[in-house]
PDB file of N, CA and C in Angstrom:
ATOM      1  N   MET A   1      67.250  76.391  76.088  1.00  0.00           N
ATOM      2  CA  MET A   1      68.604  76.821  75.878  1.00  0.00           C
ATOM      3  C   MET A   1      69.049  77.632  77.096  1.00  0.00           C
ATOM      4  N   SER A   2      70.167  77.249  77.681  1.00  0.00           N
ATOM      5  CA  SER A   2      70.642  77.922  78.885  1.00  0.00           C
ATOM      6  C   SER A   2      71.401  79.201  78.538  1.00  0.00           C
ATOM      7  N   PHE A   3      71.610  79.983  79.567  1.00  0.00           N
ATOM      8  CA  PHE A   3      72.288  81.272  79.380  1.00  0.00           C
ATOM      9  C   PHE A   3      73.714  81.078  78.877  1.00  0.00           C
ATOM     10  N   SER A   4      74.411  80.088  79.398  1.00  0.00           N
ATOM     11  CA  SER A   4      75.798  79.854  78.979  1.00  0.00           C
ATOM     12  C   SER A   4      75.882  79.367  77.528  1.00  0.00           C
ATOM     13  N   GLU A   5      74.822  78.750  77.048  1.00  0.00           N
ATOM     14  CA  GLU A   5      74.821  78.340  75.645  1.00  0.00           C
ATOM     15  C   GLU A   5      74.536  79.525  74.727  1.00  0.00           C
ATOM     16  N   LYS A   6      73.724  80.489  75.197  1.00  0.00           N
ATOM     17  CA  LYS A   6      73.430  81.670  74.402  1.00  0.00           C
ATOM     18  C   LYS A   6      74.634  82.612  74.333  1.00  0.00           C
ATOM     19  N   HIS A   7      75.325  82.745  75.454  1.00  0.00           N
ATOM     20  CA  HIS A   7      76.441  83.688  75.562  1.00  0.00           C
ATOM     21  C   HIS A   7      77.685  82.979  76.103  1.00  0.00           C
ATOM     22  N   PRO A   8      78.352  82.207  75.270  1.00  0.00           N
ATOM     23  CA  PRO A   8      79.515  81.462  75.775  1.00  0.00           C
ATOM     24  C   PRO A   8      80.702  82.371  76.115  1.00  0.00           C
ATOM     25  N   TRP A   9      80.728  83.602  75.609  1.00  0.00           N
ATOM     26  CA  TRP A   9      81.826  84.530  75.887  1.00  0.00           C
ATOM     27  C   TRP A   9      81.697  85.170  77.264  1.00  0.00           C
ATOM     28  N   LEU A  10      80.472  85.102  77.860  1.00  0.00           N
ATOM     29  CA  LEU A  10      80.240  85.754  79.144  1.00  0.00           C
ATOM     30  C   LEU A  10      80.602  84.790  80.280  1.00  0.00           C
ATOM     31  N   THR A  11      81.864  84.820  80.663  1.00  0.00           N
ATOM     32  CA  THR A  11      82.349  83.970  81.749  1.00  0.00           C
ATOM     33  C   THR A  11      82.893  84.876  82.854  1.00  0.00           C
ATOM     34  N   TRP A  12      83.174  84.298  84.024  1.00  0.00           N
ATOM     35  CA  TRP A  12      83.717  85.079  85.134  1.00  0.00           C
ATOM     36  C   TRP A  12      85.085  85.643  84.781  1.00  0.00           C
ATOM     37  N   LYS A  13      85.827  84.885  84.002  1.00  0.00           N
ATOM     38  CA  LYS A  13      87.144  85.374  83.590  1.00  0.00           C
ATOM     39  C   LYS A  13      87.004  86.635  82.748  1.00  0.00           C
ATOM     40  N   ASN A  14      86.089  86.626  81.794  1.00  0.00           N
ATOM     41  CA  ASN A  14      85.903  87.801  80.946  1.00  0.00           C
ATOM     42  C   ASN A  14      85.340  88.981  81.723  1.00  0.00           C
ATOM     43  N   VAL A  15      84.453  88.723  82.686  1.00  0.00           N
ATOM     44  CA  VAL A  15      83.913  89.795  83.524  1.00  0.00           C
ATOM     45  C   VAL A  15      85.035  90.440  84.332  1.00  0.00           C
ATOM     46  N   HIS A  16      85.915  89.635  84.900  1.00  0.00           N
ATOM     47  CA  HIS A  16      87.032  90.171  85.683  1.00  0.00           C
ATOM     48  C   HIS A  16      88.028  90.906  84.791  1.00  0.00           C
ATOM     49  N   LEU A  17      88.286  90.391  83.611  1.00  0.00           N
ATOM     50  CA  LEU A  17      89.185  91.095  82.692  1.00  0.00           C
ATOM     51  C   LEU A  17      88.610  92.452  82.291  1.00  0.00           C
ATOM     52  N   PHE A  18      87.303  92.511  82.073  1.00  0.00           N
ATOM     53  CA  PHE A  18      86.661  93.775  81.747  1.00  0.00           C
ATOM     54  C   PHE A  18      86.768  94.758  82.913  1.00  0.00           C
ATOM     55  N   ALA A  19      86.562  94.271  84.141  1.00  0.00           N
ATOM     56  CA  ALA A  19      86.660  95.133  85.322  1.00  0.00           C
ATOM     57  C   ALA A  19      88.085  95.656  85.494  1.00  0.00           C
ATOM     58  N   VAL A  20      89.068  94.801  85.323  1.00  0.00           N
ATOM     59  CA  VAL A  20      90.470  95.233  85.440  1.00  0.00           C
ATOM     60  C   VAL A  20      90.794  96.236  84.335  1.00  0.00           C
ATOM     61  N   GLY A  21      90.286  96.017  83.134  1.00  0.00           N
ATOM     62  CA  GLY A  21      90.497  96.969  82.040  1.00  0.00           C
ATOM     63  C   GLY A  21      89.898  98.327  82.348  1.00  0.00           C
ATOM     64  N   CYS A  22      88.723  98.357  82.960  1.00  0.00           N
ATOM     65  CA  CYS A  22      88.104  99.631  83.338  1.00  0.00           C
ATOM     66  C   CYS A  22      88.929 100.347  84.400  1.00  0.00           C
ATOM     67  N   ILE A  23      89.457  99.610  85.359  1.00  0.00           N
ATOM     68  CA  ILE A  23      90.297 100.218  86.402  1.00  0.00           C
ATOM     69  C   ILE A  23      91.570 100.784  85.796  1.00  0.00           C
ATOM     70  N   VAL A  24      92.201 100.026  84.912  1.00  0.00           N
ATOM     71  CA  VAL A  24      93.431 100.497  84.265  1.00  0.00           C
ATOM     72  C   VAL A  24      93.149 101.742  83.427  1.00  0.00           C
ATOM     73  N   ALA A  25      92.038 101.752  82.712  1.00  0.00           N
ATOM     74  CA  ALA A  25      91.688 102.924  81.904  1.00  0.00           C
ATOM     75  C   ALA A  25      91.421 104.133  82.795  1.00  0.00           C
ATOM     76  N   GLY A  26      90.762 103.932  83.920  1.00  0.00           N
ATOM     77  CA  GLY A  26      90.508 105.034  84.852  1.00  0.00           C
ATOM     78  C   GLY A  26      91.786 105.609  85.422  1.00  0.00           C
ATOM     79  N   VAL A  27      92.720 104.747  85.795  1.00  0.00           N
ATOM     80  CA  VAL A  27      94.011 105.217  86.312  1.00  0.00           C
ATOM     81  C   VAL A  27      94.769 105.958  85.219  1.00  0.00           C
ATOM     82  N   ALA A  28      94.725 105.447  84.004  1.00  0.00           N
ATOM     83  CA  ALA A  28      95.427 106.112  82.900  1.00  0.00           C
ATOM     84  C   ALA A  28      94.847 107.499  82.647  1.00  0.00           C
ATOM     85  N   PHE A  29      93.523 107.631  82.657  1.00  0.00           N
ATOM     86  CA  PHE A  29      92.912 108.942  82.464  1.00  0.00           C
ATOM     87  C   PHE A  29      93.254 109.883  83.615  1.00  0.00           C
ATOM     88  N   ALA A  30      93.320 109.371  84.840  1.00  0.00           N
ATOM     89  CA  ALA A  30      93.681 110.210  85.981  1.00  0.00           C
ATOM     90  C   ALA A  30      95.116 110.701  85.860  1.00  0.00           C
ATOM     91  N   VAL A  31      96.019 109.841  85.419  1.00  0.00           N
ATOM     92  CA  VAL A  31      97.422 110.242  85.248  1.00  0.00           C
ATOM     93  C   VAL A  31      97.547 111.289  84.151  1.00  0.00           C
ATOM     94  N   VAL A  32      96.850 111.082  83.045  1.00  0.00           N
ATOM     95  CA  VAL A  32      96.896 112.062  81.956  1.00  0.00           C
ATOM     96  C   VAL A  32      96.305 113.390  82.418  1.00  0.00           C
ATOM     97  N   GLY A  33      95.193 113.360  83.122  1.00  0.00           N
ATOM     98  CA  GLY A  33      94.581 114.595  83.627  1.00  0.00           C
ATOM     99  C   GLY A  33      95.471 115.317  84.613  1.00  0.00           C
ATOM    100  N   ALA A  34      96.092 114.575  85.517  1.00  0.00           N
ATOM    101  CA  ALA A  34      96.999 115.200  86.485  1.00  0.00           C
ATOM    102  C   ALA A  34      98.223 115.787  85.797  1.00  0.00           C
ATOM    103  N   THR A  35      98.705 115.129  84.766  1.00  0.00           N
ATOM    104  CA  THR A  35      99.857 115.637  84.028  1.00  0.00           C
ATOM    105  C   THR A  35      99.493 116.925  83.299  1.00  0.00           C
ATOM    106  N   ILE A  36      98.350 116.953  82.665  1.00  0.00           N
ATOM    107  CA  ILE A  36      97.926 118.163  81.964  1.00  0.00           C
ATOM    108  C   ILE A  36      97.704 119.306  82.955  1.00  0.00           C
ATOM    109  N   ALA A  37      97.084 119.021  84.097  1.00  0.00           N
ATOM    110  CA  ALA A  37      96.868 120.059  85.106  1.00  0.00           C
ATOM    111  C   ALA A  37      98.208 120.541  85.660  1.00  0.00           C
ATOM    112  N   GLY A  38      99.171 119.637  85.817  1.00  0.00           N
ATOM    113  CA  GLY A  38     100.480 120.023  86.322  1.00  0.00           C
ATOM    114  C   GLY A  38     101.249 120.881  85.343  1.00  0.00           C
ATOM    115  N   LEU A  39     101.067 120.661  84.056  1.00  0.00           N
ATOM    116  CA  LEU A  39     101.761 121.467  83.061  1.00  0.00           C
ATOM    117  C   LEU A  39     101.246 122.900  83.032  1.00  0.00           C
ATOM    118  N   GLU A  40      99.965 123.079  83.351  1.00  0.00           N
ATOM    119  CA  GLU A  40      99.379 124.406  83.321  1.00  0.00           C
ATOM    120  C   GLU A  40      99.493 125.127  84.655  1.00  0.00           C
ATOM    121  N   ALA A  41      99.861 124.439  85.721  1.00  0.00           N
ATOM    122  CA  ALA A  41      99.908 125.037  87.053  1.00  0.00           C
ATOM    123  C   ALA A  41     101.244 125.728  87.287  1.00  0.00           C
ATOM    124  N   HIS A  42     101.222 126.738  88.159  1.00  0.00           N
ATOM    125  CA  HIS A  42     102.426 127.480  88.491  1.00  0.00           C
ATOM    126  C   HIS A  42     102.989 127.083  89.851  1.00  0.00           C
ATOM    127  N   GLY A  43     102.306 126.287  90.588  1.00  0.00           N
ATOM    128  CA  GLY A  43     102.757 125.841  91.898  1.00  0.00           C
ATOM    129  C   GLY A  43     101.850 124.725  92.368  1.00  0.00           C
ATOM    130  N   TRP A  44     102.154 124.176  93.526  1.00  0.00           N
ATOM    131  CA  TRP A  44     101.345 123.054  94.013  1.00  0.00           C
ATOM    132  C   TRP A  44      99.938 123.510  94.384  1.00  0.00           C
ATOM    133  N   GLN A  45      99.792 124.788  94.784  1.00  0.00           N
ATOM    134  CA  GLN A  45      98.458 125.281  95.113  1.00  0.00           C
ATOM    135  C   GLN A  45      97.590 125.339  93.856  1.00  0.00           C
ATOM    136  N   ASP A  46      98.164 125.844  92.766  1.00  0.00           N
ATOM    137  CA  ASP A  46      97.403 125.893  91.513  1.00  0.00           C
ATOM    138  C   ASP A  46      97.091 124.488  91.011  1.00  0.00           C
ATOM    139  N   PHE A  47      98.063 123.588  91.160  1.00  0.00           N
ATOM    140  CA  PHE A  47      97.861 122.200  90.743  1.00  0.00           C
ATOM    141  C   PHE A  47      96.708 121.570  91.522  1.00  0.00           C
ATOM    142  N   LEU A  48      96.714 121.772  92.843  1.00  0.00           N
ATOM    143  CA  LEU A  48      95.660 121.217  93.680  1.00  0.00           C
ATOM    144  C   LEU A  48      94.315 121.848  93.350  1.00  0.00           C
ATOM    145  N   ALA A  49      94.306 123.154  93.105  1.00  0.00           N
ATOM    146  CA  ALA A  49      93.061 123.833  92.773  1.00  0.00           C
ATOM    147  C   ALA A  49      92.516 123.348  91.428  1.00  0.00           C
ATOM    148  N   ARG A  50      93.396 123.093  90.466  1.00  0.00           N
ATOM    149  CA  ARG A  50      92.931 122.600  89.173  1.00  0.00           C
ATOM    150  C   ARG A  50      92.371 121.188  89.289  1.00  0.00           C
ATOM    151  N   LEU A  51      92.963 120.356  90.141  1.00  0.00           N
ATOM    152  CA  LEU A  51      92.461 118.992  90.300  1.00  0.00           C
ATOM    153  C   LEU A  51      91.112 118.983  91.002  1.00  0.00           C
ATOM    154  N   THR A  52      90.957 119.813  92.028  1.00  0.00           N
ATOM    155  CA  THR A  52      89.724 119.791  92.803  1.00  0.00           C
ATOM    156  C   THR A  52      88.671 120.730  92.255  1.00  0.00           C
ATOM    157  N   GLY A  53      89.091 121.723  91.455  1.00  0.00           N
ATOM    158  CA  GLY A  53      88.148 122.702  90.936  1.00  0.00           C
ATOM    159  C   GLY A  53      87.781 123.752  91.965  1.00  0.00           C
ATOM    160  N   ALA A  54      88.527 123.812  93.064  1.00  0.00           N
ATOM    161  CA  ALA A  54      88.227 124.761  94.134  1.00  0.00           C
ATOM    162  C   ALA A  54      89.186 125.939  94.083  1.00  0.00           C
ATOM    163  N   ASP A  55      88.686 127.089  94.461  1.00  0.00           N
ATOM    164  CA  ASP A  55      89.536 128.267  94.585  1.00  0.00           C
ATOM    165  C   ASP A  55      89.963 128.334  96.045  1.00  0.00           C
ATOM    166  N   LEU A  56      91.216 127.995  96.324  1.00  0.00           N
ATOM    167  CA  LEU A  56      91.671 127.840  97.703  1.00  0.00           C
ATOM    168  C   LEU A  56      92.277 129.107  98.284  1.00  0.00           C
ATOM    169  N   TRP A  57      92.492 130.143  97.488  1.00  0.00           N
ATOM    170  CA  TRP A  57      93.081 131.408  97.928  1.00  0.00           C
ATOM    171  C   TRP A  57      94.417 131.185  98.617  1.00  0.00           C
ATOM    172  N   LEU A  58      95.234 130.294  98.097  1.00  0.00           N
ATOM    173  CA  LEU A  58      96.532 130.013  98.696  1.00  0.00           C
ATOM    174  C   LEU A  58      97.656 130.811  98.053  1.00  0.00           C
ATOM    175  N   SER A  59      97.350 131.688  97.137  1.00  0.00           N
ATOM    176  CA  SER A  59      98.396 132.426  96.452  1.00  0.00           C
ATOM    177  C   SER A  59      98.851 133.647  97.232  1.00  0.00           C
ATOM    178  N   GLY A  60      98.247 133.963  98.375  1.00  0.00           N
ATOM    179  CA  GLY A  60      98.641 135.118  99.161  1.00  0.00           C
ATOM    180  C   GLY A  60      97.720 136.299  98.958  1.00  0.00           C
ATOM    181  N   ASP A  61      96.871 136.264  97.974  1.00  0.00           N
ATOM    182  CA  ASP A  61      95.920 137.338  97.733  1.00  0.00           C
ATOM    183  C   ASP A  61      94.608 136.991  98.421  1.00  0.00           C
ATOM    184  N   PHE A  62      94.548 137.300  99.703  1.00  0.00           N
ATOM    185  CA  PHE A  62      93.356 136.959 100.468  1.00  0.00           C
ATOM    186  C   PHE A  62      92.312 138.059 100.300  1.00  0.00           C
ATOM    187  N   PRO A  63      91.049 137.700 100.234  1.00  0.00           N
ATOM    188  CA  PRO A  63      90.010 138.722 100.113  1.00  0.00           C
ATOM    189  C   PRO A  63      89.886 139.519 101.405  1.00  0.00           C
ATOM    190  N   GLU A  64      89.416 140.739 101.291  1.00  0.00           N
ATOM    191  CA  GLU A  64      89.210 141.580 102.467  1.00  0.00           C
ATOM    192  C   GLU A  64      88.021 141.050 103.257  1.00  0.00           C
ATOM    193  N   PRO A  65      88.119 141.057 104.593  1.00  0.00           N
ATOM    194  CA  PRO A  65      86.968 140.610 105.382  1.00  0.00           C
ATOM    195  C   PRO A  65      85.846 141.645 105.305  1.00  0.00           C
ATOM    196  N   PRO A  66      84.626 141.213 105.464  1.00  0.00           N
ATOM    197  CA  PRO A  66      83.514 142.165 105.406  1.00  0.00           C
ATOM    198  C   PRO A  66      83.523 143.089 106.624  1.00  0.00           C
ATOM    199  N   ASP A  67      82.916 144.255 106.469  1.00  0.00           N
ATOM    200  CA  ASP A  67      82.815 145.188 107.587  1.00  0.00           C
ATOM    201  C   ASP A  67      81.901 144.598 108.652  1.00  0.00           C
ATOM    202  N   VAL A  68      82.346 144.725 109.906  1.00  0.00           N
ATOM    203  CA  VAL A  68      81.560 144.211 111.024  1.00  0.00           C
ATOM    204  C   VAL A  68      80.594 145.285 111.445  1.00  0.00           C
ATOM    205  N   PRO A  69      79.315 144.974 111.565  1.00  0.00           N
ATOM    206  CA  PRO A  69      78.369 146.000 111.992  1.00  0.00           C
ATOM    207  C   PRO A  69      78.614 146.365 113.453  1.00  0.00           C
ATOM    208  N   SER A  70      78.314 147.614 113.783  1.00  0.00           N
ATOM    209  CA  SER A  70      78.521 148.069 115.155  1.00  0.00           C
ATOM    210  C   SER A  70      77.419 147.489 116.052  1.00  0.00           C
ATOM    211  N   VAL A  71      77.772 147.323 117.294  1.00  0.00           N
ATOM    212  CA  VAL A  71      76.823 146.776 118.264  1.00  0.00           C
ATOM    213  C   VAL A  71      75.915 147.916 118.711  1.00  0.00           C
ATOM    214  N   PRO A  72      74.606 147.736 118.671  1.00  0.00           N
ATOM    215  CA  PRO A  72      73.716 148.807 119.122  1.00  0.00           C
ATOM    216  C   PRO A  72      73.849 149.034 120.630  1.00  0.00           C
ATOM    217  N   SER A  73      73.726 150.279 121.015  1.00  0.00           N
ATOM    218  CA  SER A  73      73.838 150.598 122.433  1.00  0.00           C
ATOM    219  C   SER A  73      72.497 150.301 123.133  1.00  0.00           C
ATOM    220  N   ALA A  74      72.597 150.064 124.400  1.00  0.00           N
ATOM    221  CA  ALA A  74      71.388 149.785 125.177  1.00  0.00           C
ATOM    222  C   ALA A  74      70.572 151.068 125.348  1.00  0.00           C
ATOM    223  N   PRO A  75      69.276 150.955 125.337  1.00  0.00           N
ATOM    224  CA  PRO A  75      68.461 152.164 125.506  1.00  0.00           C
ATOM    225  C   PRO A  75      68.656 152.751 126.922  1.00  0.00           C
ATOM    226  N   SER A  76      68.635 154.041 126.992  1.00  0.00           N
ATOM    227  CA  SER A  76      68.807 154.698 128.294  1.00  0.00           C
ATOM    228  C   SER A  76      67.477 154.702 129.044  1.00  0.00           C
ATOM    229  N   VAL A  77      67.575 154.550 130.318  1.00  0.00           N
ATOM    230  CA  VAL A  77      66.374 154.526 131.154  1.00  0.00           C
ATOM    231  C   VAL A  77      66.237 155.919 131.793  1.00  0.00           C
ATOM    232  N   PRO A  78      65.068 156.584 131.674  1.00  0.00           N
ATOM    233  CA  PRO A  78      64.936 157.927 132.264  1.00  0.00           C
ATOM    234  C   PRO A  78      64.792 157.927 133.763  1.00  0.00           C
TER     235      PRO A  78
END
């Protein structure tokens, strides 16, 4: 018994339809996710941060830079 006789539903057409369905579902989930993130965001920076999950510090509240250590002086020669 050949494979096509065991599984007559498994054709190239059905494989391609399944692949297109997965792509459409992925795009739909991305649109829904972007819409939900956009509803909760207060600006494009927040929207971008929610999509990427990164804290971009684009709101104007920049962290203070760390203190720079002083350069040691050269030893004196007697």
